Amino acid sequence: NIGHYCTSFSNSFKGVYSSHCLEHLNNKEVTIIFNEVYRILKSGGTLRIVVPDIGRMFDAYDKRDASYADWFRKKQNMPGHNWFKDSWLRLNTRSFAGHVVDLFDDEELYNMYENNNREDFVNEIYSRAESNPSYLNVPNAHKSYWTRDSLVEKFEELGFRNCHCVKKGVTRDRVFSNGIFFDNTLPGKSIIVEGTK
């Protein structure tokens, strides 16, 4: 519980930055984190979040642009990953539902994807996750799906203002203007959102 450790830090920080972390949490956990970030930020402080652009992965899949997935396929051969037999659709699904994707065989995934719009496909995957709680604690798995709109909506829902998508290195807050430290993980394949307390 982050609040247990940070109770004395309310209204203390000028900025909070997270890159390629939130996708490892489910939506309820993200809400808890955002609420805590809001509490510890100073008035006018900035939250900057970077997550994978999974929508672009599915756009590439729909266009059969396999070059977009090369970076993800290379990851399969890294220690700790054994996805070398995954279909392309399974890889995409693993990128937002790695904790439950193996509950589905490929035929089931293809049928679900072909017979639903993308949002319904994602929701159907997550409804299966909720009915299989033993899968929820799979370590290092991606567990949430973010689009530009849904991430901005999450910011606004929890009280942040002036929320919008930005590009690598573009910021309203000098705290995040150092390109050496920020936005370096897959900048062309990520969503970056800033919001102000």
Protein backbone atom coordinates (compact mmCIF):
# COMPACT_ATOMS: atom_id res chain seq x y z
CA ASN A 1 0.00 0.00 0.00
CA ILE A 2 1.76 3.12 -1.23
CA GLY A 3 -0.27 5.30 1.16
CA HIS A 4 1.18 3.45 4.14
CA TYR A 5 4.68 4.59 3.20
CA CYS A 6 3.90 8.09 1.94
CA THR A 7 1.46 9.55 4.47
CA SER A 8 3.77 12.45 5.28
CA PHE A 9 4.36 13.42 1.62
CA SER A 10 1.01 15.04 0.76
CA ASN A 11 1.41 18.04 -1.57
CA SER A 12 5.20 17.54 -1.70
CA PHE A 13 6.25 16.65 -5.26
CA LYS A 14 6.49 18.82 -8.37
CA GLY A 15 6.27 15.88 -10.75
CA VAL A 16 5.69 12.14 -10.92
CA TYR A 17 6.80 10.05 -13.90
CA SER A 18 6.07 6.43 -14.80
CA SER A 19 7.21 4.67 -17.97
CA HIS A 20 5.96 1.24 -19.04
CA CYS A 21 4.76 0.30 -15.57
CA LEU A 22 0.99 0.86 -15.43
CA GLU A 23 0.27 -1.84 -17.99
CA HIS A 24 1.47 -4.35 -15.37
CA LEU A 25 -1.42 -3.30 -13.10
CA ASN A 26 -5.14 -3.83 -13.47
CA ASN A 27 -7.53 -0.89 -13.66
CA LYS A 28 -8.36 -0.92 -9.93
CA GLU A 29 -4.67 -0.85 -9.03
CA VAL A 30 -4.06 2.03 -11.45
CA THR A 31 -6.86 3.99 -9.78
CA ILE A 32 -5.19 3.51 -6.39
CA ILE A 33 -1.82 4.67 -7.76
CA PHE A 34 -3.31 7.74 -9.47
CA ASN A 35 -5.17 8.74 -6.30
CA GLU A 36 -1.94 8.51 -4.32
CA VAL A 37 -0.03 10.46 -6.96
CA TYR A 38 -2.68 13.16 -6.87
CA ARG A 39 -2.33 13.35 -3.08
CA ILE A 40 1.45 13.70 -3.05
CA LEU A 41 1.72 16.20 -5.94
CA LYS A 42 1.91 19.90 -5.20
CA SER A 43 -0.83 22.08 -6.66
CA GLY A 44 0.21 22.65 -10.27
CA GLY A 45 2.41 19.54 -10.23
CA THR A 46 2.52 17.25 -13.26
CA LEU A 47 1.89 13.54 -13.69
CA ARG A 48 3.52 12.10 -16.85
CA ILE A 49 2.68 8.52 -17.81
CA VAL A 50 4.10 6.39 -20.64
CA VAL A 51 2.41 3.11 -21.63
CA PRO A 52 2.56 0.86 -24.71
CA ASP A 53 0.32 1.92 -27.59
CA ILE A 54 -1.50 -1.39 -27.91
CA GLY A 55 -4.07 0.13 -30.24
CA ARG A 56 -1.31 0.70 -32.79
CA MET A 57 -0.28 -2.94 -32.39
CA PHE A 58 -3.81 -4.00 -33.33
CA ASP A 59 -3.92 -1.44 -36.16
CA ALA A 60 -0.78 -3.04 -37.58
CA TYR A 61 -2.34 -6.49 -37.14
CA ASP A 62 -5.48 -5.40 -38.99
CA LYS A 63 -3.32 -4.05 -41.85
CA ARG A 64 -1.10 -7.15 -41.73
CA ASP A 65 1.93 -4.91 -41.20
CA ALA A 66 4.19 -7.50 -39.57
CA SER A 67 7.13 -5.09 -39.39
CA TYR A 68 5.45 -3.30 -36.48
CA ALA A 69 5.66 -6.45 -34.34
CA ASP A 70 9.38 -7.14 -34.95
CA TRP A 71 10.44 -5.55 -31.65
CA PHE A 72 7.93 -7.71 -29.75
CA ARG A 73 8.98 -10.90 -31.49
CA LYS A 74 12.63 -10.21 -30.61
CA LYS A 75 11.55 -10.02 -26.98
CA GLN A 76 10.37 -13.63 -27.20
CA ASN A 77 13.96 -14.85 -27.24
CA MET A 78 14.97 -12.94 -24.12
CA PRO A 79 15.51 -14.93 -20.91
CA GLY A 80 12.25 -15.54 -19.09
CA HIS A 81 10.06 -15.31 -22.20
CA ASN A 82 8.88 -18.43 -23.99
CA TRP A 83 6.45 -16.97 -26.50
CA PHE A 84 8.28 -18.14 -29.62
CA LYS A 85 5.26 -20.26 -30.65
CA ASP A 86 2.71 -17.50 -30.10
CA SER A 87 0.52 -16.44 -32.99
CA TRP A 88 0.53 -12.74 -33.84
CA LEU A 89 -2.94 -12.23 -32.33
CA ARG A 90 -1.84 -14.02 -29.15
CA LEU A 91 1.22 -11.76 -28.89
CA ASN A 92 -0.99 -8.69 -29.21
CA THR A 93 -3.38 -10.05 -26.61
CA ARG A 94 -0.47 -10.91 -24.31
CA SER A 95 0.51 -7.23 -24.43
CA PHE A 96 -2.59 -6.25 -22.42
CA ALA A 97 -3.75 -9.55 -20.89
CA GLY A 98 -0.65 -11.65 -20.34
CA HIS A 99 -2.09 -12.92 -17.09
CA VAL A 100 -5.03 -14.67 -18.81
CA VAL A 101 -4.24 -15.04 -22.52
CA ASP A 102 -3.30 -18.68 -22.08
CA LEU A 103 -6.86 -19.48 -20.98
CA PHE A 104 -7.74 -19.19 -24.69
CA ASP A 105 -6.64 -21.32 -27.61
CA ASP A 106 -5.82 -19.58 -30.90
CA GLU A 107 -9.07 -20.55 -32.59
CA GLU A 108 -11.05 -19.02 -29.73
CA LEU A 109 -8.98 -15.82 -29.88
CA TYR A 110 -9.43 -15.51 -33.65
CA ASN A 111 -13.19 -16.10 -33.41
CA MET A 112 -13.54 -13.53 -30.63
CA TYR A 113 -11.48 -10.94 -32.53
CA GLU A 114 -13.18 -11.47 -35.90
CA ASN A 115 -16.70 -11.40 -34.42
CA ASN A 116 -16.34 -8.39 -32.11
CA ASN A 117 -15.16 -4.84 -32.29
CA ARG A 118 -11.86 -4.24 -30.50
CA GLU A 119 -13.41 -2.89 -27.31
CA ASP A 120 -15.71 -5.89 -26.98
CA PHE A 121 -12.78 -8.23 -27.64
CA VAL A 122 -10.78 -6.61 -24.82
CA ASN A 123 -13.77 -6.68 -22.47
CA GLU A 124 -14.44 -10.33 -23.20
CA ILE A 125 -10.82 -11.19 -22.40
CA TYR A 126 -11.04 -9.29 -19.10
CA SER A 127 -14.36 -10.83 -18.13
CA ARG A 128 -12.65 -14.22 -18.34
CA ALA A 129 -9.85 -12.87 -16.14
CA GLU A 130 -12.33 -11.81 -13.48
CA SER A 131 -13.87 -15.28 -13.41
CA ASN A 132 -10.42 -16.85 -12.94
CA PRO A 133 -8.94 -15.00 -9.94
CA SER A 134 -6.04 -17.45 -9.68
CA TYR A 135 -4.65 -15.87 -12.86
CA LEU A 136 -4.68 -12.31 -11.55
CA ASN A 137 -1.33 -12.48 -9.75
CA VAL A 138 0.85 -13.65 -12.64
CA PRO A 139 4.10 -11.69 -12.16
CA ASN A 140 5.49 -9.42 -14.88
CA ALA A 141 2.39 -9.83 -17.06
CA HIS A 142 0.62 -6.95 -18.76
CA LYS A 143 -2.85 -6.57 -17.25
CA SER A 144 -4.37 -3.40 -18.68
CA TYR A 145 -5.24 -1.93 -22.07
CA TRP A 146 -4.78 1.82 -22.59
CA THR A 147 -5.67 4.00 -25.52
CA ARG A 148 -4.95 7.72 -25.81
CA ASP A 149 -8.56 8.50 -24.92
CA SER A 150 -8.89 6.02 -22.05
CA LEU A 151 -5.68 7.22 -20.39
CA VAL A 152 -6.72 10.88 -20.66
CA GLU A 153 -10.16 9.92 -19.28
CA LYS A 154 -8.51 8.15 -16.32
CA PHE A 155 -6.49 11.27 -15.53
CA GLU A 156 -9.60 13.46 -15.68
CA GLU A 157 -11.75 11.01 -13.73
CA LEU A 158 -9.35 11.30 -10.80
CA GLY A 159 -9.17 15.09 -10.77
CA PHE A 160 -6.22 15.95 -13.04
CA ARG A 161 -6.70 18.87 -15.43
CA ASN A 162 -5.09 20.03 -18.69
CA CYS A 163 -4.72 16.35 -19.62
CA HIS A 164 -3.47 15.55 -23.10
CA CYS A 165 -1.21 13.31 -25.15
CA VAL A 166 2.27 14.57 -25.95
CA LYS A 167 5.24 13.36 -27.97
CA LYS A 168 8.64 12.28 -26.69
CA GLY A 169 10.44 15.25 -25.21
CA VAL A 170 7.41 17.55 -25.44
CA THR A 171 6.32 18.74 -22.01
CA ARG A 172 4.76 21.69 -20.24
CA ASP A 173 6.96 21.03 -17.19
CA ARG A 174 10.74 21.50 -17.17
CA VAL A 175 10.98 18.64 -14.68
CA PHE A 176 10.53 16.23 -17.62
CA SER A 177 12.50 18.09 -20.29
CA ASN A 178 15.72 16.05 -19.97
CA GLY A 179 15.63 13.57 -22.86
CA ILE A 180 18.42 11.50 -21.33
CA PHE A 181 16.16 10.32 -18.53
CA PHE A 182 12.62 10.37 -19.91
CA ASP A 183 10.55 8.71 -22.65
CA ASN A 184 13.28 6.37 -23.89
CA THR A 185 11.36 3.07 -23.86
CA LEU A 186 9.85 2.48 -27.32
CA PRO A 187 9.02 6.17 -27.87
CA GLY A 188 7.50 5.53 -31.30
CA LYS A 189 5.26 2.78 -29.96
CA SER A 190 4.05 4.41 -26.76
CA ILE A 191 1.34 6.72 -25.50
CA ILE A 192 2.54 9.63 -23.37
CA VAL A 193 0.00 11.61 -21.33
CA GLU A 194 0.50 14.55 -18.98
CA GLY A 195 -1.96 16.01 -16.49
CA THR A 196 -1.80 18.75 -13.85
CA LYS A 197 -3.03 18.68 -10.28
